Protein backbone atom coordinates (compact mmCIF):
# COMPACT_ATOMS: atom_id res chain seq x y z
CA MET A 1 3.70 50.23 -100.07
CA PHE A 2 3.63 53.96 -100.86
CA LYS A 3 6.46 53.74 -103.39
CA LYS A 4 6.16 55.27 -106.83
CA GLY A 5 4.29 52.95 -109.18
CA SER A 6 2.01 51.48 -106.50
CA LYS A 7 -1.75 52.05 -106.39
CA LEU A 8 -1.53 53.61 -102.91
CA TYR A 9 1.13 56.05 -104.12
CA ALA A 10 -1.06 57.09 -107.06
CA ILE A 11 -4.09 57.58 -104.78
CA ARG A 12 -2.12 59.51 -102.17
CA LYS A 13 -0.51 61.79 -104.78
CA SER A 14 -3.71 62.07 -106.92
CA LYS A 15 -2.08 60.62 -110.02
CA CYS A 16 -3.65 59.12 -113.13
CA PRO A 17 -5.00 55.61 -112.44
CA LYS A 18 -3.76 54.23 -115.77
CA CYS A 19 -0.12 55.44 -115.86
CA HIS A 20 0.40 56.69 -112.26
CA GLN A 21 2.34 59.65 -113.61
CA GLY A 22 -0.03 62.38 -114.80
CA ASN A 23 -1.79 64.60 -112.28
CA LEU A 24 -5.57 64.40 -111.85
CA PHE A 25 -5.90 67.98 -110.59
CA LYS A 26 -4.60 71.22 -112.11
CA SER A 27 -3.68 72.77 -108.76
CA SER A 28 -3.30 71.91 -105.11
CA LEU A 29 -6.25 72.03 -102.76
CA LEU A 30 -4.81 75.03 -100.93
CA SER A 31 -4.33 77.14 -104.07
CA GLY A 32 -7.91 78.39 -104.01
CA ASN A 33 -8.70 77.30 -107.58
CA GLY A 34 -11.55 75.00 -106.58
CA ILE A 35 -11.95 71.52 -105.18
CA TYR A 36 -12.77 69.82 -108.48
CA ASN A 37 -10.27 71.61 -110.71
CA MET A 38 -9.44 68.46 -112.71
CA TYR A 39 -7.79 67.93 -116.03
CA ILE A 40 -10.07 66.53 -118.72
CA LYS A 41 -7.42 64.04 -119.87
CA CYS A 42 -4.13 62.78 -118.51
CA LYS A 43 -1.25 64.85 -119.86
CA GLU A 44 0.96 61.76 -120.00
CA CYS A 45 -1.16 58.85 -121.35
CA ASP A 46 -4.28 60.63 -122.69
CA GLN A 47 -6.65 58.75 -120.35
CA ASP A 48 -10.04 60.51 -120.24
CA PHE A 49 -10.92 61.52 -116.66
CA GLU A 50 -14.60 62.23 -117.42
CA MET A 51 -15.73 58.98 -119.02
CA GLU A 52 -19.43 59.86 -119.07
CA PRO A 53 -21.75 62.56 -117.73
CA GLY A 54 -22.36 62.04 -114.03
CA PHE A 55 -19.37 59.70 -113.67
CA TYR A 56 -18.35 61.14 -110.31
CA TRP A 57 -21.76 60.66 -108.67
CA GLY A 58 -20.42 57.37 -107.35
CA ALA A 59 -17.72 59.31 -105.52
CA MET A 60 -20.45 60.68 -103.25
CA TYR A 61 -20.87 57.24 -101.70
CA ILE A 62 -17.16 56.98 -101.05
CA GLY A 63 -17.14 60.50 -99.58
CA TYR A 64 -20.07 59.60 -97.35
CA ALA A 65 -18.26 56.49 -96.09
CA LEU A 66 -14.99 58.37 -95.49
CA PHE A 67 -16.70 61.22 -93.69
CA SER A 68 -18.87 58.87 -91.59
CA PHE A 69 -15.80 56.87 -90.58
CA TYR A 70 -14.03 60.10 -89.61
CA MET A 71 -16.99 61.47 -87.64
CA LEU A 72 -17.83 58.29 -85.73
CA GLY A 73 -14.21 57.39 -85.05
CA THR A 74 -13.21 60.85 -83.88
CA ILE A 75 -16.27 61.29 -81.66
CA ALA A 76 -15.58 57.92 -80.06
CA LEU A 77 -11.90 58.70 -79.49
CA ILE A 78 -12.56 62.11 -77.98
CA PHE A 79 -15.48 60.91 -75.86
CA PHE A 80 -13.79 57.81 -74.43
CA PHE A 81 -10.27 59.18 -73.96
CA THR A 82 -11.05 62.65 -72.58
CA ASP A 83 -13.34 64.03 -69.92
CA LEU A 84 -15.53 65.81 -72.47
CA SER A 85 -19.25 65.17 -72.84
CA LEU A 86 -20.77 63.61 -75.95
CA ASN A 87 -22.03 67.01 -77.12
CA GLN A 88 -18.59 68.58 -76.68
CA SER A 89 -16.98 65.66 -78.52
CA PHE A 90 -19.47 66.06 -81.34
CA GLY A 91 -18.83 69.83 -81.54
CA ILE A 92 -15.06 69.44 -81.75
CA THR A 93 -15.38 66.67 -84.35
CA LEU A 94 -17.82 68.73 -86.40
CA MET A 95 -15.43 71.71 -86.49
CA GLY A 96 -12.65 69.43 -87.75
CA GLY A 97 -15.05 67.82 -90.20
CA LEU A 98 -15.99 71.15 -91.75
CA LEU A 99 -12.32 71.76 -92.47
CA MET A 100 -11.99 68.27 -93.98
CA ILE A 101 -14.89 68.53 -96.45
CA PRO A 102 -12.76 69.73 -99.42
CA TYR A 103 -10.09 67.09 -98.75
CA VAL A 104 -12.65 64.27 -98.46
CA ALA A 105 -14.49 65.45 -101.59
CA ARG A 106 -11.28 65.43 -103.61
CA LYS A 107 -10.01 62.10 -102.26
CA SER A 108 -13.36 60.44 -102.91
CA ARG A 109 -13.04 61.41 -106.59
CA VAL A 110 -9.51 60.02 -106.67
CA LEU A 111 -10.65 56.74 -105.11
CA TRP A 112 -13.63 56.48 -107.45
CA ILE A 113 -11.59 56.92 -110.63
CA HIS A 114 -9.00 54.43 -109.31
CA ILE A 115 -11.78 51.89 -108.81
CA ALA A 116 -13.07 52.44 -112.35
CA ILE A 117 -9.74 52.46 -114.24
CA ARG A 118 -7.01 49.86 -113.90
CA TYR A 119 -3.29 50.45 -113.96
CA ASN A 120 -1.65 49.53 -117.26
CA LYS A 121 2.05 48.73 -116.88
CA LYS A 122 2.73 48.78 -120.64
CA ILE A 123 1.35 52.31 -120.97
CA ALA A 124 3.17 53.42 -117.81
CA ASP A 125 6.45 52.06 -119.19
CA LYS A 126 5.91 53.89 -122.50
CA VAL A 127 5.20 57.14 -120.63
CA ALA A 128 8.31 56.71 -118.48
CA GLU A 129 10.40 55.94 -121.57
CA ARG A 130 9.06 59.03 -123.37
CA LYS A 131 9.88 61.18 -120.33
CA ALA A 132 13.42 59.76 -120.16
CA VAL A 133 13.98 60.54 -123.84
CA LYS A 134 12.77 64.14 -123.31
CA ILE A 135 15.11 64.58 -120.35
CA ASN A 136 18.10 63.15 -122.25
CA HIS A 137 17.51 65.45 -125.23
CA LYS A 138 17.66 68.60 -123.12
């Protein structure tokens, strides 16, 4: 399910939606270089990551859904399975949510581009073959 070459693997690892090998982001989230520090094109298959101006506006809807699911689910779990009040449950969930904002913002972009661009096995095979040739020539 999460094996290399699967859609879930590419989403989890923030890989290119077309070849599943190139990275979408220049650095990790914890590096401090910004949440949206994305490459313009895939380094492996040349897929454009910014197809049109405002392309990632749709990712806001995905981010809203992810964050709402997190907030409602976590509040419900804390409220029903602990002795905390609803306000306390909300406060704890909100503190966790503030820490999750960069992660959710980045993952919503990854999901959005994976919805818009399909995996192309022929291109992925060519990229893998090119990489294998580079490794063998070293």
